């Protein structure tokens, strides 16, 4: 039997104004999932990996990730999340950043980001991307326990 858990949205964004705009647009897209906002990479990674209510222990999440953070780069966070053996490897990551450098964009996709959106975002396309992910979020099924092999 699979249970349906609400997907948490984890936003890693140090700019308060951007964070509010992003949240407003997520709500405008009709997505009511809880949003946890972190202003730096260190606290976000601690939550992602160690918090008992975090996604490693407690079901699916979607990560909205800014690349320019005060304490570490978003690409560092992305590579840690997507690293082999990380239980969060399959977690969808949306990169939201001011950088439209082609090399940086390519690097993020190579590291495993699902969507790359440049700020200031075109909020129509952002809302569309979030809606698409919303459809995705609504169909995620979380197995109760790992299937035993054999």
N, C-alpha and C. Protein backbone atom coordinates (compact mmCIF):
# COMPACT_ATOMS: atom_id res chain seq x y z
N UNK A 1 0.84 -1.19 0.00
CA UNK A 1 0.00 0.00 0.00
C UNK A 1 0.88 1.25 0.00
N UNK A 2 0.54 2.22 -0.81
CA UNK A 2 1.32 3.45 -0.80
C UNK A 2 0.52 4.53 -0.10
N UNK A 3 1.23 5.39 0.59
CA UNK A 3 0.52 6.49 1.22
C UNK A 3 0.81 7.77 0.45
N UNK A 4 -0.09 8.70 0.52
CA UNK A 4 0.06 9.97 -0.19
C UNK A 4 0.45 11.03 0.81
N UNK A 5 1.70 11.47 0.75
CA UNK A 5 2.13 12.50 1.68
C UNK A 5 2.20 13.82 0.96
N UNK A 6 1.85 14.90 1.64
CA UNK A 6 2.02 16.19 0.98
C UNK A 6 3.51 16.46 0.77
N UNK A 7 3.83 17.04 -0.36
CA UNK A 7 5.21 17.33 -0.69
C UNK A 7 5.57 18.70 -0.10
N UNK A 8 6.67 18.75 0.63
CA UNK A 8 7.14 20.03 1.16
C UNK A 8 7.93 20.76 0.08
N UNK A 9 7.76 22.06 0.02
CA UNK A 9 8.57 22.88 -0.88
C UNK A 9 9.62 23.56 -0.01
N UNK A 10 10.87 23.34 -0.36
CA UNK A 10 11.97 23.92 0.39
C UNK A 10 12.61 24.99 -0.47
N UNK A 11 12.56 26.23 0.00
CA UNK A 11 13.10 27.35 -0.76
C UNK A 11 14.39 27.82 -0.09
N UNK A 12 15.48 27.83 -0.88
CA UNK A 12 16.77 28.31 -0.37
C UNK A 12 17.05 29.61 -1.13
N UNK A 13 16.78 30.73 -0.46
CA UNK A 13 16.83 32.05 -1.10
C UNK A 13 17.17 33.09 -0.04
N UNK A 14 18.29 33.81 -0.24
CA UNK A 14 18.70 34.77 0.79
C UNK A 14 18.02 36.13 0.65
N UNK A 15 17.40 36.41 -0.50
CA UNK A 15 16.76 37.70 -0.71
C UNK A 15 15.28 37.62 -0.32
N UNK A 16 14.93 38.35 0.73
CA UNK A 16 13.58 38.30 1.28
C UNK A 16 12.51 38.70 0.25
N UNK A 17 12.82 39.72 -0.55
CA UNK A 17 11.88 40.18 -1.58
C UNK A 17 11.60 39.10 -2.62
N UNK A 18 12.67 38.47 -3.10
CA UNK A 18 12.52 37.38 -4.07
C UNK A 18 11.73 36.23 -3.45
N UNK A 19 12.04 35.91 -2.20
CA UNK A 19 11.36 34.80 -1.53
C UNK A 19 9.86 35.05 -1.47
N UNK A 20 9.47 36.29 -1.12
CA UNK A 20 8.04 36.61 -1.03
C UNK A 20 7.37 36.52 -2.39
N UNK A 21 8.05 37.02 -3.42
CA UNK A 21 7.50 36.96 -4.78
C UNK A 21 7.32 35.52 -5.25
N UNK A 22 8.33 34.70 -4.98
CA UNK A 22 8.27 33.30 -5.39
C UNK A 22 7.10 32.61 -4.70
N UNK A 23 6.98 32.84 -3.39
CA UNK A 23 5.89 32.21 -2.64
C UNK A 23 4.53 32.68 -3.16
N UNK A 24 4.42 33.97 -3.44
CA UNK A 24 3.16 34.51 -3.96
C UNK A 24 2.78 33.84 -5.27
N UNK A 25 3.77 33.62 -6.12
CA UNK A 25 3.50 33.00 -7.42
C UNK A 25 3.20 31.52 -7.31
N UNK A 26 3.79 30.86 -6.34
CA UNK A 26 3.46 29.46 -6.10
C UNK A 26 2.00 29.37 -5.68
N UNK A 27 1.59 30.26 -4.78
CA UNK A 27 0.20 30.27 -4.31
C UNK A 27 -0.74 30.62 -5.46
N UNK A 28 -0.32 31.58 -6.29
CA UNK A 28 -1.14 32.00 -7.42
C UNK A 28 -1.33 30.84 -8.41
N UNK A 29 -0.33 29.96 -8.48
CA UNK A 29 -0.43 28.80 -9.36
C UNK A 29 -1.34 27.72 -8.76
N UNK A 30 -1.87 27.99 -7.57
CA UNK A 30 -2.82 27.06 -6.97
C UNK A 30 -2.18 25.95 -6.15
N UNK A 31 -0.91 26.12 -5.80
CA UNK A 31 -0.21 25.10 -5.02
C UNK A 31 -0.23 25.50 -3.55
N UNK A 32 -0.77 24.62 -2.73
CA UNK A 32 -0.97 24.96 -1.31
C UNK A 32 0.02 24.24 -0.40
N UNK A 33 0.96 23.50 -0.98
CA UNK A 33 1.95 22.77 -0.16
C UNK A 33 2.69 23.73 0.77
N UNK A 34 3.13 23.20 1.89
CA UNK A 34 3.92 24.00 2.82
C UNK A 34 5.23 24.43 2.20
N UNK A 35 5.65 25.66 2.50
CA UNK A 35 6.93 26.17 2.00
C UNK A 35 7.82 26.48 3.19
N UNK A 36 9.00 25.87 3.21
CA UNK A 36 9.99 26.16 4.24
C UNK A 36 11.07 27.02 3.61
N UNK A 37 11.35 28.16 4.23
CA UNK A 37 12.29 29.11 3.63
C UNK A 37 13.59 29.13 4.42
N UNK A 38 14.70 28.90 3.72
CA UNK A 38 16.03 28.98 4.33
C UNK A 38 16.81 30.09 3.63
N UNK A 39 17.56 30.87 4.40
CA UNK A 39 18.30 32.01 3.83
C UNK A 39 19.75 31.68 3.52
N UNK A 40 20.20 30.48 3.88
CA UNK A 40 21.58 30.10 3.56
C UNK A 40 21.66 28.60 3.34
N UNK A 41 22.74 28.20 2.71
CA UNK A 41 22.91 26.80 2.34
C UNK A 41 23.13 25.88 3.52
N UNK A 42 23.86 26.37 4.53
CA UNK A 42 24.19 25.53 5.68
C UNK A 42 22.93 25.05 6.40
N UNK A 43 22.03 25.99 6.72
CA UNK A 43 20.82 25.59 7.44
C UNK A 43 19.91 24.74 6.56
N UNK A 44 19.88 25.03 5.25
CA UNK A 44 19.07 24.23 4.34
C UNK A 44 19.58 22.79 4.29
N UNK A 45 20.89 22.61 4.13
CA UNK A 45 21.46 21.26 4.08
C UNK A 45 21.26 20.51 5.39
N UNK A 46 21.42 21.22 6.53
CA UNK A 46 21.18 20.58 7.82
C UNK A 46 19.76 20.05 7.89
N UNK A 47 18.80 20.90 7.48
CA UNK A 47 17.40 20.48 7.51
C UNK A 47 17.17 19.29 6.57
N UNK A 48 17.69 19.42 5.33
CA UNK A 48 17.46 18.38 4.33
C UNK A 48 17.96 17.02 4.80
N UNK A 49 19.12 17.01 5.46
CA UNK A 49 19.74 15.73 5.80
C UNK A 49 19.44 15.24 7.21
N UNK A 50 19.21 16.16 8.14
CA UNK A 50 19.19 15.74 9.54
C UNK A 50 17.87 15.92 10.25
N UNK A 51 17.04 16.85 9.83
CA UNK A 51 15.81 17.12 10.58
C UNK A 51 14.87 15.92 10.53
N UNK A 52 14.31 15.52 11.70
CA UNK A 52 13.39 14.38 11.71
C UNK A 52 12.16 14.62 10.82
N UNK A 53 11.78 15.89 10.65
CA UNK A 53 10.64 16.18 9.76
C UNK A 53 11.10 16.55 8.36
N UNK A 54 12.41 16.41 8.09
CA UNK A 54 12.95 16.73 6.77
C UNK A 54 12.74 15.61 5.77
N UNK A 55 13.01 15.87 4.49
CA UNK A 55 12.70 14.90 3.44
C UNK A 55 13.49 13.60 3.51
N UNK A 56 14.67 13.60 4.11
CA UNK A 56 15.43 12.34 4.21
C UNK A 56 14.65 11.33 5.05
N UNK A 57 13.95 11.84 6.07
CA UNK A 57 13.23 10.96 6.98
C UNK A 57 11.72 10.97 6.77
N UNK A 58 11.22 11.98 6.07
CA UNK A 58 9.78 12.21 6.13
C UNK A 58 9.15 12.55 4.79
N UNK A 59 9.52 11.82 3.75
CA UNK A 59 8.75 11.98 2.53
C UNK A 59 9.26 13.03 1.57
N UNK A 60 8.53 13.20 0.48
CA UNK A 60 9.04 13.91 -0.69
C UNK A 60 9.09 15.42 -0.52
N UNK A 61 9.94 16.02 -1.33
CA UNK A 61 10.10 17.47 -1.31
C UNK A 61 10.43 17.96 -2.71
N UNK A 62 10.27 19.26 -2.88
CA UNK A 62 10.70 19.96 -4.07
C UNK A 62 11.60 21.07 -3.57
N UNK A 63 12.76 21.24 -4.19
CA UNK A 63 13.71 22.25 -3.71
C UNK A 63 13.80 23.39 -4.73
N UNK A 64 13.56 24.61 -4.25
CA UNK A 64 13.77 25.83 -5.06
C UNK A 64 15.08 26.42 -4.57
N UNK A 65 16.05 26.53 -5.47
CA UNK A 65 17.42 26.83 -5.05
C UNK A 65 17.97 28.05 -5.76
N UNK A 66 18.38 29.05 -4.96
CA UNK A 66 19.11 30.20 -5.49
C UNK A 66 20.58 29.80 -5.55
N UNK A 67 21.31 30.28 -6.56
CA UNK A 67 22.73 29.90 -6.66
C UNK A 67 23.63 30.83 -5.85
N UNK A 68 23.20 32.07 -5.64
CA UNK A 68 24.06 33.06 -4.98
C UNK A 68 23.63 33.20 -3.52
N UNK A 69 24.25 32.40 -2.66
CA UNK A 69 23.92 32.40 -1.24
C UNK A 69 25.09 32.96 -0.45
N UNK A 70 24.82 33.46 0.76
CA UNK A 70 25.90 34.11 1.51
C UNK A 70 27.01 33.17 1.96
N UNK A 71 26.69 31.89 2.17
CA UNK A 71 27.69 31.01 2.78
C UNK A 71 28.28 29.97 1.84
N UNK A 72 27.59 29.63 0.76
CA UNK A 72 28.11 28.63 -0.19
C UNK A 72 27.36 28.80 -1.49
N UNK A 73 27.86 28.20 -2.55
CA UNK A 73 27.17 28.38 -3.83
C UNK A 73 26.06 27.34 -3.95
N UNK A 74 25.01 27.72 -4.67
CA UNK A 74 23.91 26.81 -4.91
C UNK A 74 24.36 25.56 -5.66
N UNK A 75 25.38 25.71 -6.51
CA UNK A 75 25.86 24.53 -7.24
C UNK A 75 26.47 23.51 -6.28
N UNK A 76 27.10 23.99 -5.19
CA UNK A 76 27.62 23.06 -4.16
C UNK A 76 26.46 22.29 -3.53
N UNK A 77 25.39 23.01 -3.21
CA UNK A 77 24.23 22.37 -2.59
C UNK A 77 23.63 21.36 -3.56
N UNK A 78 23.48 21.79 -4.82
CA UNK A 78 22.92 20.92 -5.86
C UNK A 78 23.74 19.64 -5.99
N UNK A 79 25.06 19.78 -6.06
CA UNK A 79 25.90 18.59 -6.24
C UNK A 79 25.82 17.67 -5.02
N UNK A 80 25.66 18.25 -3.82
CA UNK A 80 25.51 17.40 -2.62
C UNK A 80 24.18 16.67 -2.63
N UNK A 81 23.11 17.37 -3.02
CA UNK A 81 21.78 16.75 -3.05
C UNK A 81 21.76 15.61 -4.06
N UNK A 82 22.40 15.82 -5.22
CA UNK A 82 22.34 14.85 -6.31
C UNK A 82 23.45 13.81 -6.28
N UNK A 83 24.28 13.85 -5.23
CA UNK A 83 25.41 12.92 -5.14
C UNK A 83 24.93 11.47 -5.03
N UNK A 84 25.72 10.57 -5.61
CA UNK A 84 25.40 9.14 -5.54
C UNK A 84 25.27 8.73 -4.08
N UNK A 85 24.26 7.93 -3.80
CA UNK A 85 24.07 7.46 -2.44
C UNK A 85 23.27 8.40 -1.55
N UNK A 86 23.03 9.63 -2.00
CA UNK A 86 22.24 10.56 -1.20
C UNK A 86 20.76 10.17 -1.32
N UNK A 87 20.07 10.00 -0.19
CA UNK A 87 18.64 9.63 -0.26
C UNK A 87 17.79 10.68 -0.97
N UNK A 88 18.32 11.90 -1.11
CA UNK A 88 17.56 12.97 -1.76
C UNK A 88 17.83 13.07 -3.26
N UNK A 89 18.65 12.15 -3.78
CA UNK A 89 19.09 12.22 -5.18
C UNK A 89 17.95 12.43 -6.18
N UNK A 90 16.78 11.83 -5.91
CA UNK A 90 15.66 11.94 -6.85
C UNK A 90 14.77 13.16 -6.60
N UNK A 91 15.10 13.94 -5.58
CA UNK A 91 14.29 15.12 -5.27
C UNK A 91 14.40 16.14 -6.39
N UNK A 92 13.26 16.62 -6.91
CA UNK A 92 13.34 17.63 -7.98
C UNK A 92 13.88 18.95 -7.44
N UNK A 93 14.78 19.55 -8.23
CA UNK A 93 15.38 20.83 -7.85
C UNK A 93 15.13 21.84 -8.96
N UNK A 94 14.55 22.99 -8.58
CA UNK A 94 14.36 24.11 -9.50
C UNK A 94 15.37 25.17 -9.10
N UNK A 95 16.28 25.52 -10.02
CA UNK A 95 17.25 26.57 -9.76
C UNK A 95 16.63 27.90 -10.18
N UNK A 96 16.61 28.86 -9.26
CA UNK A 96 16.10 30.20 -9.52
C UNK A 96 17.24 31.16 -9.22
N UNK A 97 17.76 31.82 -10.24
CA UNK A 97 18.93 32.65 -10.00
C UNK A 97 19.03 33.79 -11.00
N UNK A 98 19.86 34.77 -10.68
CA UNK A 98 20.05 35.92 -11.57
C UNK A 98 21.03 35.62 -12.69
N UNK A 99 21.74 34.50 -12.60
CA UNK A 99 22.78 34.17 -13.58
C UNK A 99 22.18 33.54 -14.83
N UNK A 100 22.41 34.17 -15.99
CA UNK A 100 21.98 33.49 -17.22
C UNK A 100 23.18 33.05 -18.05
N UNK A 101 24.30 32.83 -17.35
CA UNK A 101 25.53 32.36 -17.96
C UNK A 101 25.31 30.92 -18.47
N UNK A 102 25.51 30.73 -19.77
CA UNK A 102 25.23 29.42 -20.40
C UNK A 102 26.03 28.29 -19.73
N UNK A 103 27.27 28.60 -19.34
CA UNK A 103 28.13 27.57 -18.74
C UNK A 103 27.56 27.15 -17.38
N UNK A 104 27.10 28.15 -16.62
CA UNK A 104 26.50 27.89 -15.31
C UNK A 104 25.20 27.07 -15.46
N UNK A 105 24.39 27.44 -16.45
CA UNK A 105 23.14 26.72 -16.72
C UNK A 105 23.45 25.27 -17.07
N UNK A 106 24.39 25.08 -17.97
CA UNK A 106 24.80 23.73 -18.39
C UNK A 106 25.28 22.93 -17.19
N UNK A 107 26.07 23.57 -16.34
CA UNK A 107 26.62 22.90 -15.16
C UNK A 107 25.49 22.43 -14.24
N UNK A 108 24.49 23.29 -14.04
CA UNK A 108 23.37 22.93 -13.17
C UNK A 108 22.62 21.72 -13.72
N UNK A 109 22.39 21.71 -15.04
CA UNK A 109 21.71 20.55 -15.63
C UNK A 109 22.57 19.29 -15.51
N UNK A 110 23.88 19.45 -15.71
CA UNK A 110 24.77 18.29 -15.57
C UNK A 110 24.76 17.76 -14.14
N UNK A 111 24.63 18.67 -13.17
CA UNK A 111 24.59 18.26 -11.76
C UNK A 111 23.25 17.64 -11.38
N UNK A 112 22.23 17.86 -12.23
CA UNK A 112 20.95 17.20 -11.98
C UNK A 112 19.76 18.08 -11.67
N UNK A 113 19.87 19.41 -11.91
CA UNK A 113 18.69 20.23 -11.66
C UNK A 113 17.62 19.90 -12.69
N UNK A 114 16.34 20.05 -12.30
CA UNK A 114 15.23 19.71 -13.19
C UNK A 114 14.80 20.89 -14.05
N UNK A 115 14.81 22.09 -13.46
CA UNK A 115 14.40 23.29 -14.18
C UNK A 115 15.35 24.41 -13.76
N UNK A 116 15.74 25.25 -14.72
CA UNK A 116 16.60 26.40 -14.44
C UNK A 116 15.84 27.64 -14.85
N UNK A 117 15.56 28.54 -13.91
CA UNK A 117 14.80 29.75 -14.21
C UNK A 117 15.64 30.95 -13.80
N UNK A 118 15.75 31.93 -14.72
CA UNK A 118 16.54 33.12 -14.44
C UNK A 118 15.67 34.20 -13.83
N UNK A 119 16.18 34.84 -12.75
CA UNK A 119 15.49 35.97 -12.13
C UNK A 119 15.98 37.25 -12.80
N UNK A 120 15.21 38.32 -12.92
CA UNK A 120 13.82 38.32 -12.49
C UNK A 120 13.02 37.40 -13.39
N UNK A 121 12.28 36.51 -12.78
CA UNK A 121 11.61 35.48 -13.57
C UNK A 121 10.41 36.06 -14.30
N UNK A 122 10.16 35.46 -15.44
CA UNK A 122 8.91 35.72 -16.14
C UNK A 122 7.88 34.92 -15.36
N UNK A 123 7.02 35.62 -14.64
CA UNK A 123 6.16 34.91 -13.70
C UNK A 123 5.12 34.03 -14.37
N UNK A 124 4.79 34.32 -15.63
CA UNK A 124 3.89 33.41 -16.34
C UNK A 124 4.58 32.06 -16.54
N UNK A 125 5.82 32.10 -17.04
CA UNK A 125 6.51 30.82 -17.28
C UNK A 125 6.87 30.15 -15.96
N UNK A 126 7.15 30.96 -14.93
CA UNK A 126 7.41 30.39 -13.61
C UNK A 126 6.17 29.67 -13.10
N UNK A 127 5.02 30.34 -13.21
CA UNK A 127 3.76 29.73 -12.75
C UNK A 127 3.49 28.44 -13.53
N UNK A 128 3.77 28.47 -14.84
CA UNK A 128 3.58 27.26 -15.65
C UNK A 128 4.49 26.12 -15.17
N UNK A 129 5.77 26.46 -14.94
CA UNK A 129 6.73 25.44 -14.48
C UNK A 129 6.27 24.87 -13.15
N UNK A 130 5.83 25.75 -12.25
CA UNK A 130 5.39 25.29 -10.94
C UNK A 130 4.11 24.46 -11.07
N UNK A 131 3.21 24.88 -11.97
CA UNK A 131 1.98 24.10 -12.18
C UNK A 131 2.33 22.70 -12.68
N UNK A 132 3.27 22.63 -13.63
CA UNK A 132 3.71 21.32 -14.14
C UNK A 132 4.25 20.49 -12.98
N UNK A 133 5.09 21.12 -12.16
CA UNK A 133 5.63 20.42 -11.01
C UNK A 133 4.52 20.09 -10.03
N UNK A 134 3.49 20.97 -9.97
CA UNK A 134 2.34 20.72 -9.10
C UNK A 134 1.63 19.44 -9.50
N UNK A 135 1.48 19.24 -10.81
CA UNK A 135 0.89 18.00 -11.30
C UNK A 135 1.78 16.84 -10.87
N UNK A 136 3.08 17.04 -11.03
CA UNK A 136 4.05 16.04 -10.64
C UNK A 136 3.94 15.78 -9.14
N UNK A 137 3.83 16.87 -8.34
CA UNK A 137 3.75 16.72 -6.89
C UNK A 137 2.50 15.95 -6.49
N UNK A 138 1.41 16.18 -7.23
CA UNK A 138 0.16 15.56 -6.82
C UNK A 138 0.15 14.06 -7.11
N UNK A 139 1.04 13.59 -7.97
CA UNK A 139 1.05 12.15 -8.29
C UNK A 139 2.21 11.38 -7.65
N UNK A 140 3.08 12.09 -6.93
CA UNK A 140 4.18 11.38 -6.26
C UNK A 140 3.58 10.41 -5.25
N UNK A 141 4.01 9.19 -5.31
CA UNK A 141 3.59 8.19 -4.34
C UNK A 141 4.81 7.81 -3.52
N UNK A 142 4.62 7.74 -2.25
CA UNK A 142 5.72 7.39 -1.37
C UNK A 142 5.49 5.99 -0.83
N UNK A 143 6.38 5.05 -1.15
CA UNK A 143 6.19 3.70 -0.60
C UNK A 143 6.30 3.72 0.93
N UNK A 144 5.53 2.88 1.58
CA UNK A 144 5.59 2.80 3.03
C UNK A 144 6.96 2.33 3.50
N UNK A 145 7.53 1.38 2.79
CA UNK A 145 8.86 0.87 3.15
C UNK A 145 9.53 0.35 1.88
N UNK A 146 10.85 0.30 1.89
CA UNK A 146 11.54 -0.21 0.70
C UNK A 146 11.13 -1.66 0.43
N UNK A 147 11.00 -1.98 -0.85
CA UNK A 147 10.67 -3.36 -1.23
C UNK A 147 11.89 -4.24 -0.98
N UNK A 148 11.67 -5.40 -0.42
CA UNK A 148 12.78 -6.34 -0.21
C UNK A 148 13.06 -7.05 -1.52
N UNK A 149 14.33 -7.19 -1.86
CA UNK A 149 14.71 -7.91 -3.09
C UNK A 149 14.56 -9.41 -2.85
N UNK A 150 13.97 -10.10 -3.89
CA UNK A 150 13.88 -11.55 -3.85
C UNK A 150 12.82 -11.99 -2.92
